[in-house]
Amino acid sequence: MLSGKNYIAGEWLDGPDVFQADNPATGEKLPTKFQQGTEDHVDQAARAANECAEEFAAMAPSKRAGFLRACADEIDARGDELTKFGNLESALPPARLQGERGRTVGQLRFFADWIEEGSWFEARIETAQPDRAPLPKPDIRSMFKALGPVGVFGASNFPLAFSVAGGDTASALAAGCPVVFKAHAAHPGTSELVAQAIDAAIKKTGMPKGVFSMVHEGGHVIGQSLVAHPMIKAVGFTGSTGGGRALFDIAVSRPEPIPFYGELGSNNPVYLMPNAMAKNAAGIAKAWAGSLTMGVGQFCTNPGLLLALKGDDLDTFVTTAVAELGGVASQAMLTDRVSSAYHDVNNAMAKHPKVTSALSRRDGDGPFEGSPAVYRVSAADWEANPELAEEMFGPAGIIIECDSTDQILTISAKLHGQLTATIQMDDSDAEFAGKLRPLLEKCAGRILINGWPTGVEVCHSMVHGGPYPASTDSRATSVGSLAIKRFVRPVAYQAFADALLPDALKDGNPLNIPRLVDGKWQLPK
């Protein structure tokens, strides 16, 4: 049963007004009414998080790991309900939602294992050398410590994996940071079900009540107050460039500026190498069409920009892609706002004097529909019209037709920040790909060879981030074990008695974790 209320430190609280989510497939309001969040809810949640922050951070990693695993178990136990409400609120098919739930619980368990393993502490020990000349060396030890309460914003396109218990929440809790979560208005029922799961896990494992709170939509003021609250020490955000930048500006303009980890937008360029195209232009086109339309193109890693040499091979590619995409039915997009923005950018592309529409249609009957689109533009016109570089969030792609490989390299050197860049190549394209790689390293967080970027593996080596505007901090990732570093900072302890040190730095290694001792890594026994 859904309460429709805000979850604040173990209590379900009413708001001053109510709202209802849309069913994207029909455009009708869903029946459940949800209580709008308020600035007072944010304040209560942040204060409760701050009150328990030290206790939560000081817990043994095994205890926090148990909490994360309990969250995963409770989410799994609500699997059928989550699929039902997720489908109603997002129009995403059940199979997609079931897969997304698997990813969500998988990354919770992934972080549970990671914090127990202990490498994330980066415990470093320099033992004292009292007889060193000309000056003695003191005993100095350092490790990562939790920042404190973290604000997290839910994303519209992933109602589970980038939402209430998604990657930002999982990595913050793993680091020992309580979370105040702002639910997305597009899927409040799905969000409450996950909050209920976390509530059950809190009670089952004896966590402090302030370790997690969820505030429903209440207008821009809620997000702004969350970022501005003095007890919030970092923020994780996935959303639009405009909204994210506004919140980023608040975060860095506070009396105490805080880290703002925003994922804001990416075109995810794909390079069609000449020899690969000569051998298999049609096959690459079919694969691209499948990636472009996955989830109605509503992935942050959607491959919406292609660069290739003009000529017969590119014509074959376009003809094949248009035929494939032309057979893809119009589908419901996540929200009216997403759909409207997609149609606006498509209308602008179709009317642009320098752009050729290879495929552009709007044939769906539903109110939030999105249809595939393909556009072509010369490299010279691309460079002369910067508006063509705007993200098209949906199943649309634009192809930059280049006169030479040097022109491809010139454009690549000027690309703004991207989450991914993909090279479709044959072995005989290796020399050109080798020239391209250093340019892509400067603008992208992840570079792929002969794959498609729409799958993001949760693993230790994953980087999901990139230079601005792909993210607001290119040194960070929001997926994988390195994500935990966003919510910790190093602290050094000099000349501490062993009894006063955190367990990760004590003599004897009571946590049995990897540690760097006098410049050499010592592995657990």
Protein backbone atom coordinates (compact mmCIF):
# COMPACT_ATOMS: atom_id res chain seq x y z
CA MET A 1 0.00 0.00 0.00
CA LEU A 2 1.21 3.49 -0.85
CA SER A 3 0.86 6.27 1.70
CA GLY A 4 1.68 9.06 -0.74
CA LYS A 5 3.72 10.73 2.02
CA ASN A 6 7.25 12.02 2.49
CA TYR A 7 9.58 9.73 4.43
CA ILE A 8 11.55 11.78 6.94
CA ALA A 9 13.85 9.96 9.38
CA GLY A 10 11.51 7.03 9.92
CA GLU A 11 8.24 9.00 9.79
CA TRP A 12 5.74 9.32 6.93
CA LEU A 13 4.69 12.98 6.79
CA ASP A 14 2.02 14.94 4.93
CA GLY A 15 2.64 18.00 2.78
CA PRO A 16 0.64 21.17 2.11
CA ASP A 17 -0.63 20.04 -1.27
CA VAL A 18 -0.87 16.95 -3.45
CA PHE A 19 0.14 15.93 -6.97
CA GLN A 20 -0.42 12.93 -9.21
CA ALA A 21 1.91 11.19 -11.63
CA ASP A 22 1.07 10.77 -15.31
CA ASN A 23 0.68 7.50 -17.17
CA PRO A 24 2.88 8.24 -20.22
CA ALA A 25 1.11 5.60 -22.30
CA THR A 26 -2.30 7.28 -21.93
CA GLY A 27 -1.57 10.80 -20.71
CA GLU A 28 -4.01 10.29 -17.84
CA LYS A 29 -3.31 11.05 -14.22
CA LEU A 30 -2.69 7.99 -12.06
CA PRO A 31 -5.09 7.73 -9.10
CA THR A 32 -2.68 7.86 -6.14
CA LYS A 33 -2.19 11.33 -4.66
CA PHE A 34 1.23 12.21 -3.27
CA GLN A 35 2.06 14.82 -0.67
CA GLN A 36 4.32 17.58 -1.93
CA GLY A 37 7.56 18.06 -0.09
CA THR A 38 8.47 21.30 1.64
CA GLU A 39 11.55 23.20 2.75
CA ASP A 40 10.66 22.16 6.30
CA HIS A 41 10.81 18.50 5.26
CA VAL A 42 14.27 19.10 3.78
CA ASP A 43 15.38 20.81 6.97
CA GLN A 44 14.07 18.00 9.19
CA ALA A 45 15.72 15.37 7.01
CA ALA A 46 19.06 17.17 6.86
CA ARG A 47 19.13 17.71 10.63
CA ALA A 48 18.29 14.07 11.31
CA ALA A 49 21.01 13.01 8.87
CA ASN A 50 23.52 15.29 10.56
CA GLU A 51 22.65 13.97 14.01
CA CYS A 52 23.53 10.40 13.03
CA ALA A 53 26.33 11.13 10.55
CA GLU A 54 29.22 10.46 12.95
CA GLU A 55 27.63 7.29 14.27
CA PHE A 56 26.96 5.97 10.77
CA ALA A 57 30.44 6.83 9.49
CA ALA A 58 32.11 5.17 12.48
CA MET A 59 30.25 1.87 12.03
CA ALA A 60 32.22 -1.21 11.14
CA PRO A 61 32.11 -1.72 7.36
CA SER A 62 30.51 -5.11 7.91
CA LYS A 63 27.53 -3.47 9.63
CA ARG A 64 26.98 -0.95 6.83
CA ALA A 65 27.41 -3.79 4.34
CA GLY A 66 24.68 -5.70 6.12
CA PHE A 67 22.41 -2.69 5.78
CA LEU A 68 23.09 -2.41 2.03
CA ARG A 69 22.37 -6.11 1.54
CA ALA A 70 19.17 -5.79 3.55
CA CYS A 71 18.10 -2.90 1.29
CA ALA A 72 18.72 -5.13 -1.74
CA ASP A 73 16.75 -8.00 -0.23
CA GLU A 74 13.80 -5.76 0.63
CA ILE A 75 13.76 -4.28 -2.87
CA ASP A 76 13.77 -7.75 -4.38
CA ALA A 77 10.89 -8.73 -2.11
CA ARG A 78 8.83 -5.92 -3.68
CA GLY A 79 9.81 -6.84 -7.21
CA ASP A 80 6.34 -7.44 -8.66
CA GLU A 81 4.97 -4.20 -7.20
CA LEU A 82 7.96 -2.23 -8.48
CA THR A 83 7.49 -3.60 -11.98
CA LYS A 84 3.78 -2.76 -11.89
CA PHE A 85 4.17 0.81 -10.67
CA GLY A 86 7.29 1.42 -12.73
CA ASN A 87 5.42 0.43 -15.89
CA LEU A 88 2.45 2.65 -15.05
CA GLU A 89 4.61 5.67 -14.24
CA SER A 90 7.26 5.37 -16.96
CA ALA A 91 5.76 3.21 -19.75
CA LEU A 92 8.99 1.21 -19.63
CA PRO A 93 8.33 -2.46 -20.42
CA PRO A 94 8.33 -5.00 -17.57
CA ALA A 95 11.47 -6.75 -18.84
CA ARG A 96 13.41 -3.46 -18.79
CA LEU A 97 12.21 -2.69 -15.26
CA GLN A 98 13.09 -6.16 -14.02
CA GLY A 99 16.57 -5.75 -15.49
CA GLU A 100 16.90 -2.34 -13.91
CA ARG A 101 15.88 -3.75 -10.54
CA GLY A 102 18.59 -6.39 -10.94
CA ARG A 103 21.12 -3.67 -11.57
CA THR A 104 19.90 -1.69 -8.56
CA VAL A 105 20.16 -4.54 -6.07
CA GLY A 106 23.35 -5.72 -7.75
CA GLN A 107 25.14 -2.44 -7.15
CA LEU A 108 23.96 -2.35 -3.52
CA ARG A 109 25.51 -5.79 -2.99
CA PHE A 110 28.55 -4.74 -5.04
CA PHE A 111 29.22 -1.84 -2.67
CA ALA A 112 28.58 -4.06 0.35
CA ASP A 113 31.36 -6.38 -0.81
CA TRP A 114 33.62 -3.45 -1.64
CA ILE A 115 33.48 -1.74 1.74
CA GLU A 116 34.11 -5.04 3.51
CA GLU A 117 37.17 -5.68 1.30
CA GLY A 118 38.54 -2.36 2.54
CA SER A 119 40.69 -1.01 -0.32
CA TRP A 120 38.45 2.04 -0.55
CA PHE A 121 39.80 3.30 2.78
CA GLU A 122 43.19 3.78 1.07
CA ALA A 123 44.74 3.32 4.50
CA ARG A 124 48.33 4.62 4.48
CA ILE A 125 50.80 4.23 7.32
CA GLU A 126 54.20 5.89 7.63
CA THR A 127 55.88 4.62 10.78
CA ALA A 128 57.99 6.92 12.90
CA GLN A 129 61.74 7.22 12.47
CA PRO A 130 62.83 9.04 15.63
CA ASP A 131 66.53 8.69 14.82
CA ARG A 132 66.32 10.07 11.28
CA ALA A 133 68.76 12.92 10.57
CA PRO A 134 68.68 15.82 10.34
CA LEU A 135 65.09 15.68 11.66
CA PRO A 136 63.08 12.80 13.13
CA LYS A 137 60.10 11.49 11.15
CA PRO A 138 56.78 11.32 13.01
CA ASP A 139 54.24 8.52 12.74
CA ILE A 140 51.65 9.66 10.16
CA ARG A 141 48.63 7.67 9.05
CA SER A 142 45.80 8.62 6.69
CA MET A 143 42.54 7.22 5.36
CA PHE A 144 39.32 8.29 3.72
CA LYS A 145 36.48 9.45 5.96
CA ALA A 146 32.85 10.15 5.08
CA LEU A 147 31.96 13.75 4.18
CA GLY A 148 28.62 13.77 6.01
CA PRO A 149 25.01 14.01 4.83
CA VAL A 150 24.58 13.80 1.05
CA GLY A 151 21.71 15.14 -1.07
CA VAL A 152 20.70 12.94 -4.02
CA PHE A 153 18.35 13.76 -6.91
CA GLY A 154 16.39 11.08 -8.73
CA ALA A 155 16.62 10.86 -12.53
CA SER A 156 13.60 10.67 -14.83
CA ASN A 157 14.97 7.98 -17.15
CA PHE A 158 15.90 5.33 -14.56
CA PRO A 159 13.13 4.94 -11.94
CA LEU A 160 15.24 2.38 -10.08
CA ALA A 161 18.95 2.33 -11.00
CA PHE A 162 19.44 6.12 -10.81
CA SER A 163 16.76 6.76 -8.24
CA VAL A 164 15.96 6.17 -4.57
CA ALA A 165 18.42 3.31 -4.02
CA GLY A 166 20.44 3.91 -7.17
CA GLY A 167 24.15 4.41 -7.65
CA ASP A 168 24.46 7.77 -5.88
CA THR A 169 22.56 6.55 -2.83
CA ALA A 170 24.39 3.21 -2.75
CA SER A 171 27.86 4.77 -2.95
CA ALA A 172 27.03 7.48 -0.40
CA LEU A 173 25.65 4.98 2.12
CA ALA A 174 28.63 2.70 1.49
CA ALA A 175 30.96 5.60 2.29
CA GLY A 176 29.12 6.19 5.56
CA CYS A 177 27.12 9.23 4.48
CA PRO A 178 23.41 9.54 5.38
CA VAL A 179 21.26 10.40 2.36
CA VAL A 180 18.47 12.91 1.85
CA PHE A 181 16.81 11.94 -1.41
CA LYS A 182 14.64 14.14 -3.63
CA ALA A 183 12.24 11.89 -5.51
CA HIS A 184 11.43 12.57 -9.15
CA ALA A 185 7.84 13.61 -9.79
CA ALA A 186 7.56 11.23 -12.75
CA HIS A 187 7.58 8.08 -10.61
CA PRO A 188 6.58 8.84 -7.01
CA GLY A 189 4.88 5.47 -6.44
CA THR A 190 7.94 3.52 -7.53
CA SER A 191 10.05 5.80 -5.32
CA GLU A 192 7.87 5.24 -2.27
CA LEU A 193 8.03 1.46 -2.69
CA VAL A 194 11.82 1.63 -2.65
CA ALA A 195 11.73 4.00 0.35
CA GLN A 196 9.54 1.44 2.11
CA ALA A 197 12.18 -1.19 1.37
CA ILE A 198 14.92 1.00 2.84
CA ASP A 199 12.73 1.71 5.88
CA ALA A 200 12.34 -2.04 6.44
CA ALA A 201 16.11 -2.51 6.08
CA ILE A 202 16.79 0.29 8.58
CA LYS A 203 14.56 -1.42 11.14
CA LYS A 204 15.92 -4.89 10.40
CA THR A 205 19.56 -3.88 10.82
CA GLY A 206 19.18 -1.30 13.61
CA MET A 207 20.36 1.70 11.61
CA PRO A 208 19.77 5.20 12.99
CA LYS A 209 16.54 6.66 11.61
CA GLY A 210 18.23 9.68 10.07
CA VAL A 211 20.36 7.57 7.77
CA PHE A 212 17.83 7.99 4.95
CA SER A 213 14.96 10.34 4.11
CA MET A 214 12.94 10.93 0.94
CA VAL A 215 11.21 14.18 0.01
CA HIS A 216 8.64 14.24 -2.79
CA GLU A 217 8.43 16.86 -5.53
CA GLY A 218 7.54 20.36 -4.39
CA GLY A 219 8.83 22.62 -7.16
CA HIS A 220 12.31 23.98 -7.79
CA VAL A 221 12.50 25.39 -4.27
CA ILE A 222 12.88 21.89 -2.80
CA GLY A 223 15.94 21.05 -4.86
CA GLN A 224 17.43 24.46 -4.23
CA SER A 225 16.91 24.23 -0.49
CA LEU A 226 18.45 20.75 -0.41
CA VAL A 227 21.63 21.92 -2.15
CA ALA A 228 21.80 25.08 -0.04
CA HIS A 229 21.19 23.42 3.33
CA PRO A 230 24.26 23.94 5.55
CA MET A 231 24.18 20.37 6.84
CA ILE A 232 24.38 18.82 3.36
CA LYS A 233 28.03 18.19 2.48
CA ALA A 234 27.81 16.90 -1.12
CA VAL A 235 25.21 16.37 -3.86
CA GLY A 236 24.66 13.76 -6.56
CA PHE A 237 22.51 14.81 -9.54
CA THR A 238 21.47 13.38 -12.91
CA GLY A 239 19.37 15.58 -15.17
CA SER A 240 19.28 18.46 -17.60
CA THR A 241 22.16 20.82 -18.25
CA GLY A 242 20.10 23.88 -17.31
CA GLY A 243 18.72 22.48 -14.07
CA GLY A 244 22.00 20.90 -13.06
CA ARG A 245 24.00 24.03 -13.73
CA ALA A 246 21.61 26.11 -11.62
CA LEU A 247 22.05 23.73 -8.68
CA PHE A 248 25.81 23.57 -9.23
CA ASP A 249 25.99 27.35 -8.97
CA ILE A 250 24.14 27.19 -5.63
CA ALA A 251 26.50 24.49 -4.34
CA VAL A 252 29.66 26.44 -5.09
CA SER A 253 28.22 29.80 -3.96
CA ARG A 254 27.28 28.69 -0.44
CA PRO A 255 29.18 30.14 2.53
CA GLU A 256 30.65 26.63 2.70
CA PRO A 257 30.94 25.44 -0.94
CA ILE A 258 30.33 21.72 -1.41
CA PRO A 259 31.06 19.16 -4.14
CA PHE A 260 28.27 18.89 -6.71
CA TYR A 261 28.49 15.78 -8.85
CA GLY A 262 26.15 16.47 -11.74
CA GLU A 263 25.66 14.41 -14.89
CA LEU A 264 24.19 16.94 -17.29
CA GLY A 265 24.25 15.87 -20.94
CA SER A 266 26.17 14.04 -23.67
CA ASN A 267 25.92 13.32 -27.41
CA ASN A 268 28.21 10.25 -27.21
CA PRO A 269 29.95 10.51 -30.59
CA VAL A 270 30.43 7.42 -32.73
CA TYR A 271 33.27 7.29 -35.27
CA LEU A 272 32.65 5.25 -38.39
CA MET A 273 36.15 4.29 -39.55
CA PRO A 274 36.69 4.14 -43.33
CA ASN A 275 37.75 0.51 -43.68
CA ALA A 276 35.09 -0.75 -41.29
CA MET A 277 32.48 1.10 -43.32
CA ALA A 278 33.82 -0.29 -46.59
CA LYS A 279 33.41 -3.82 -45.27
CA ASN A 280 30.19 -3.57 -43.25
CA ALA A 281 28.37 -0.23 -43.48
CA ALA A 282 24.93 -1.89 -43.48
CA GLY A 283 25.70 -4.10 -40.49
CA ILE A 284 27.01 -1.17 -38.45
CA ALA A 285 23.90 0.83 -39.38
CA LYS A 286 21.56 -1.89 -38.14
CA ALA A 287 23.44 -2.15 -34.85
CA TRP A 288 23.39 1.63 -34.41
CA ALA A 289 19.64 1.74 -34.99
CA GLY A 290 19.15 -0.81 -32.22
CA SER A 291 21.27 1.17 -29.77
CA LEU A 292 19.70 4.51 -30.74
CA THR A 293 16.15 3.32 -30.07
CA MET A 294 16.83 1.36 -26.89
CA GLY A 295 14.54 2.76 -24.20
CA VAL A 296 13.16 5.24 -26.78
CA GLY A 297 16.60 6.83 -26.84
CA GLN A 298 16.28 8.01 -23.25
CA PHE A 299 19.74 6.94 -22.12
CA CYS A 300 22.43 9.38 -21.07
CA THR A 301 24.80 7.29 -23.21
CA ASN A 302 22.59 7.30 -26.31
CA PRO A 303 24.81 7.45 -29.46
CA GLY A 304 23.28 10.56 -30.99
CA LEU A 305 26.27 11.91 -32.93
CA LEU A 306 28.15 10.17 -35.75
CA LEU A 307 31.25 11.24 -37.67
CA ALA A 308 32.19 9.63 -40.99
CA LEU A 309 33.71 10.29 -44.40
CA LYS A 310 31.10 11.23 -46.98
CA GLY A 311 30.69 8.92 -49.93
CA ASP A 312 29.00 5.72 -51.06
CA ASP A 313 29.68 3.82 -47.83
CA LEU A 314 28.05 6.53 -45.73
CA ASP A 315 25.10 6.63 -48.14
CA THR A 316 24.69 2.87 -47.63
CA PHE A 317 24.85 3.39 -43.89
CA VAL A 318 22.16 6.10 -43.96
CA THR A 319 19.88 4.16 -46.29
CA THR A 320 20.09 1.08 -44.09
CA ALA A 321 19.65 3.02 -40.84
CA VAL A 322 16.62 4.88 -42.18
CA ALA A 323 15.04 1.62 -43.30
CA GLU A 324 15.63 0.07 -39.88
CA LEU A 325 14.44 3.09 -37.93
CA GLY A 326 11.49 3.64 -40.22
CA GLY A 327 10.14 0.28 -39.07
CA VAL A 328 10.41 1.23 -35.39
CA ALA A 329 7.03 2.28 -34.08
CA SER A 330 6.59 5.51 -32.17
CA GLN A 331 6.72 4.85 -28.43
CA ALA A 332 5.73 6.66 -25.26
CA MET A 333 8.49 8.73 -23.72
CA LEU A 334 8.93 9.15 -19.99
CA THR A 335 7.16 12.44 -19.40
CA ASP A 336 5.35 15.21 -21.22
CA ARG A 337 8.35 17.46 -20.60
CA VAL A 338 10.79 14.96 -22.11
CA SER A 339 8.54 14.40 -25.11
CA SER A 340 7.94 18.11 -25.68
CA ALA A 341 11.66 18.89 -25.49
CA TYR A 342 12.40 16.08 -27.94
CA HIS A 343 9.84 17.34 -30.44
CA ASP A 344 11.11 20.91 -30.07
CA VAL A 345 14.68 19.93 -30.94
CA ASN A 346 13.49 17.77 -33.82
CA ASN A 347 11.41 20.62 -35.20
CA ALA A 348 14.43 22.91 -34.98
CA MET A 349 16.62 20.35 -36.75
CA ALA A 350 14.07 19.75 -39.52
CA LYS A 351 13.80 23.49 -40.20
CA HIS A 352 17.53 24.24 -39.96
CA PRO A 353 18.81 25.51 -43.32
CA LYS A 354 22.09 23.61 -43.07
CA VAL A 355 20.61 20.26 -41.99
CA THR A 356 19.20 17.51 -44.22
CA SER A 357 16.46 15.34 -42.74
CA ALA A 358 17.01 11.72 -43.70
CA LEU A 359 14.18 10.62 -41.41
CA SER A 360 11.86 12.82 -39.38
CA ARG A 361 8.32 11.98 -38.46
CA ARG A 362 5.77 12.26 -35.69
CA ASP A 363 3.22 9.52 -36.14
CA GLY A 364 2.29 8.32 -32.66
CA ASP A 365 -1.22 8.65 -31.27
CA GLY A 366 -0.18 8.89 -27.61
CA PRO A 367 0.47 12.23 -25.90
CA PHE A 368 4.09 11.55 -24.95
CA GLU A 369 5.20 9.80 -28.14
CA GLY A 370 8.67 9.86 -29.67
CA SER A 371 9.67 8.62 -33.14
CA PRO A 372 13.21 7.97 -34.49
CA ALA A 373 14.92 10.68 -36.54
CA VAL A 374 18.14 10.95 -38.55
CA TYR A 375 19.81 14.14 -39.77
CA ARG A 376 22.85 14.89 -41.93
CA VAL A 377 25.10 17.93 -41.92
CA SER A 378 28.44 18.82 -43.48
CA ALA A 379 31.44 19.17 -41.21
CA ALA A 380 31.83 22.84 -42.19
CA ASP A 381 28.22 23.61 -41.32
CA TRP A 382 28.49 21.68 -38.05
CA GLU A 383 31.43 23.82 -36.99
CA ALA A 384 29.70 27.03 -38.04
CA ASN A 385 26.46 26.29 -36.17
CA PRO A 386 27.15 25.42 -32.51
CA GLU A 387 23.43 24.93 -31.79
CA LEU A 388 23.66 21.66 -33.72
CA ALA A 389 25.74 20.23 -30.86
CA GLU A 390 22.81 20.34 -28.42
CA GLU A 391 21.78 16.99 -26.99
CA MET A 392 18.71 15.38 -28.56
CA PHE A 393 17.36 13.34 -25.65
CA GLY A 394 15.49 10.64 -27.55
CA PRO A 395 15.89 8.28 -30.53
CA ALA A 396 17.49 10.84 -32.87
CA GLY A 397 20.94 11.07 -34.36
CA ILE A 398 22.87 13.58 -36.45
CA ILE A 399 25.61 12.52 -38.87
CA ILE A 400 28.55 14.82 -39.55
CA GLU A 401 29.80 14.24 -43.10
CA CYS A 402 33.53 14.91 -43.33
CA ASP A 403 35.72 15.45 -46.38
CA SER A 404 38.83 13.84 -44.90
CA THR A 405 40.22 12.03 -41.89
CA ASP A 406 42.05 15.23 -40.97
CA GLN A 407 38.70 16.99 -40.78
CA ILE A 408 37.41 14.30 -38.41
CA LEU A 409 40.43 14.88 -36.20
CA THR A 410 39.93 18.65 -36.30
CA ILE A 411 36.30 18.37 -35.18
CA SER A 412 37.20 15.82 -32.49
CA ALA A 413 39.71 18.23 -30.98
CA LYS A 414 36.89 20.75 -30.46
CA LEU A 415 34.17 18.49 -29.02
CA HIS A 416 32.84 19.45 -25.61
CA GLY A 417 32.73 16.95 -22.76
CA GLN A 418 31.13 13.54 -23.37
CA LEU A 419 30.28 10.53 -21.26
CA THR A 420 31.38 8.16 -24.03
CA ALA A 421 33.00 8.02 -27.45
CA THR A 422 32.84 4.94 -29.67
CA ILE A 423 35.08 3.84 -32.55
CA GLN A 424 33.63 1.40 -35.07
CA MET A 425 36.76 0.06 -36.75
CA ASP A 426 38.46 -2.72 -38.64
CA ASP A 427 41.99 -3.82 -37.76
CA SER A 428 43.20 -1.92 -40.82
CA ASP A 429 41.84 1.33 -39.27
CA ALA A 430 44.27 1.05 -36.35
CA GLU A 431 46.58 3.86 -37.48
CA PHE A 432 43.72 6.36 -37.74
CA ALA A 433 42.20 5.14 -34.45
CA GLY A 434 45.58 5.66 -32.79
CA LYS A 435 45.55 9.32 -33.87
CA LEU A 436 41.99 9.70 -32.63
CA ARG A 437 42.45 8.18 -29.18
CA PRO A 438 44.39 11.07 -27.54
CA LEU A 439 41.70 13.51 -28.68
CA LEU A 440 38.93 11.35 -27.23
CA GLU A 441 40.81 10.94 -23.96
CA LYS A 442 40.52 14.71 -23.53
CA CYS A 443 36.75 14.88 -24.05
CA ALA A 444 35.25 11.54 -22.95
CA GLY A 445 35.08 9.47 -19.77
CA ARG A 446 34.77 6.10 -21.54
CA ILE A 447 36.06 5.11 -25.00
CA LEU A 448 34.70 1.99 -26.71
CA ILE A 449 35.91 -0.08 -29.66
CA ASN A 450 33.30 -1.88 -31.78
CA GLY A 451 30.56 -1.78 -29.17
CA TRP A 452 27.71 0.53 -28.24
CA PRO A 453 27.68 2.81 -25.20
CA THR A 454 24.12 2.22 -24.01
CA GLY A 455 25.16 -0.48 -21.54
CA VAL A 456 27.04 0.73 -18.44
CA GLU A 457 28.63 -2.13 -16.52
CA VAL A 458 28.79 -1.78 -12.72
CA CYS A 459 32.39 -2.78 -11.98
CA HIS A 460 35.62 -1.53 -10.45
CA SER A 461 37.05 -0.09 -13.70
CA MET A 462 33.92 1.70 -14.99
CA VAL A 463 34.02 5.46 -15.53
CA HIS A 464 30.65 7.14 -16.01
CA GLY A 465 31.49 10.80 -16.21
CA GLY A 466 33.51 13.16 -18.35
CA PRO A 467 34.46 16.79 -18.89
CA TYR A 468 31.72 19.41 -18.66
CA PRO A 469 28.84 19.27 -19.57
CA ALA A 470 28.90 15.47 -19.40
CA SER A 471 29.57 15.96 -15.70
CA THR A 472 30.51 18.79 -13.40
CA ASP A 473 33.65 17.02 -12.19
CA SER A 474 35.58 15.00 -14.75
CA ARG A 475 37.63 13.34 -11.99
CA ALA A 476 34.58 11.47 -10.73
CA THR A 477 32.37 8.59 -11.83
CA SER A 478 28.78 7.89 -10.79
CA VAL A 479 29.02 4.16 -11.62
CA GLY A 480 31.48 1.60 -10.26
CA SER A 481 33.48 1.35 -7.07
CA LEU A 482 35.35 4.61 -7.71
CA ALA A 483 32.01 6.39 -7.16
CA ILE A 484 32.58 6.09 -3.41
CA LYS A 485 35.41 8.62 -3.63
CA ARG A 486 32.92 11.40 -4.33
CA PHE A 487 31.66 11.21 -0.77
CA VAL A 488 34.87 10.85 1.25
CA ARG A 489 37.89 13.00 2.03
CA PRO A 490 41.37 12.09 3.32
CA VAL A 491 42.25 12.70 6.96
CA ALA A 492 45.78 12.32 8.37
CA TYR A 493 46.55 11.34 11.99
CA GLN A 494 49.98 12.29 13.30
CA ALA A 495 51.54 10.84 16.45
CA PHE A 496 48.29 9.20 17.57
CA ALA A 497 48.27 6.51 20.23
CA ASP A 498 47.00 3.25 18.74
CA ALA A 499 43.89 3.24 20.92
CA LEU A 500 42.83 6.62 19.52
CA LEU A 501 43.15 5.66 15.85
CA PRO A 502 40.29 4.47 13.63
CA ASP A 503 40.29 0.68 13.24
CA ALA A 504 41.50 0.91 9.63
CA LEU A 505 44.80 2.43 10.82
CA LYS A 506 45.46 0.54 14.04
CA ASP A 507 48.48 -1.70 14.52
CA GLY A 508 47.61 -5.31 13.88
CA ASN A 509 45.13 -4.38 11.11
CA PRO A 510 41.95 -5.38 13.00
CA LEU A 511 39.77 -4.90 9.88
CA ASN A 512 42.09 -7.15 7.86
CA ILE A 513 42.23 -4.80 4.88
CA PRO A 514 44.89 -3.86 2.31
CA ARG A 515 47.13 -1.04 3.58
CA LEU A 516 50.11 0.92 2.28
CA VAL A 517 52.77 0.63 4.99
CA ASP A 518 55.98 2.58 4.53
CA GLY A 519 55.42 2.72 0.79
CA LYS A 520 54.60 -0.97 0.27
CA TRP A 521 51.18 -2.54 0.03
CA GLN A 522 50.44 -5.16 2.67
CA LEU A 523 47.58 -7.49 1.79
CA PRO A 524 45.20 -9.02 4.34
CA LYS A 525 46.17 -12.31 5.89
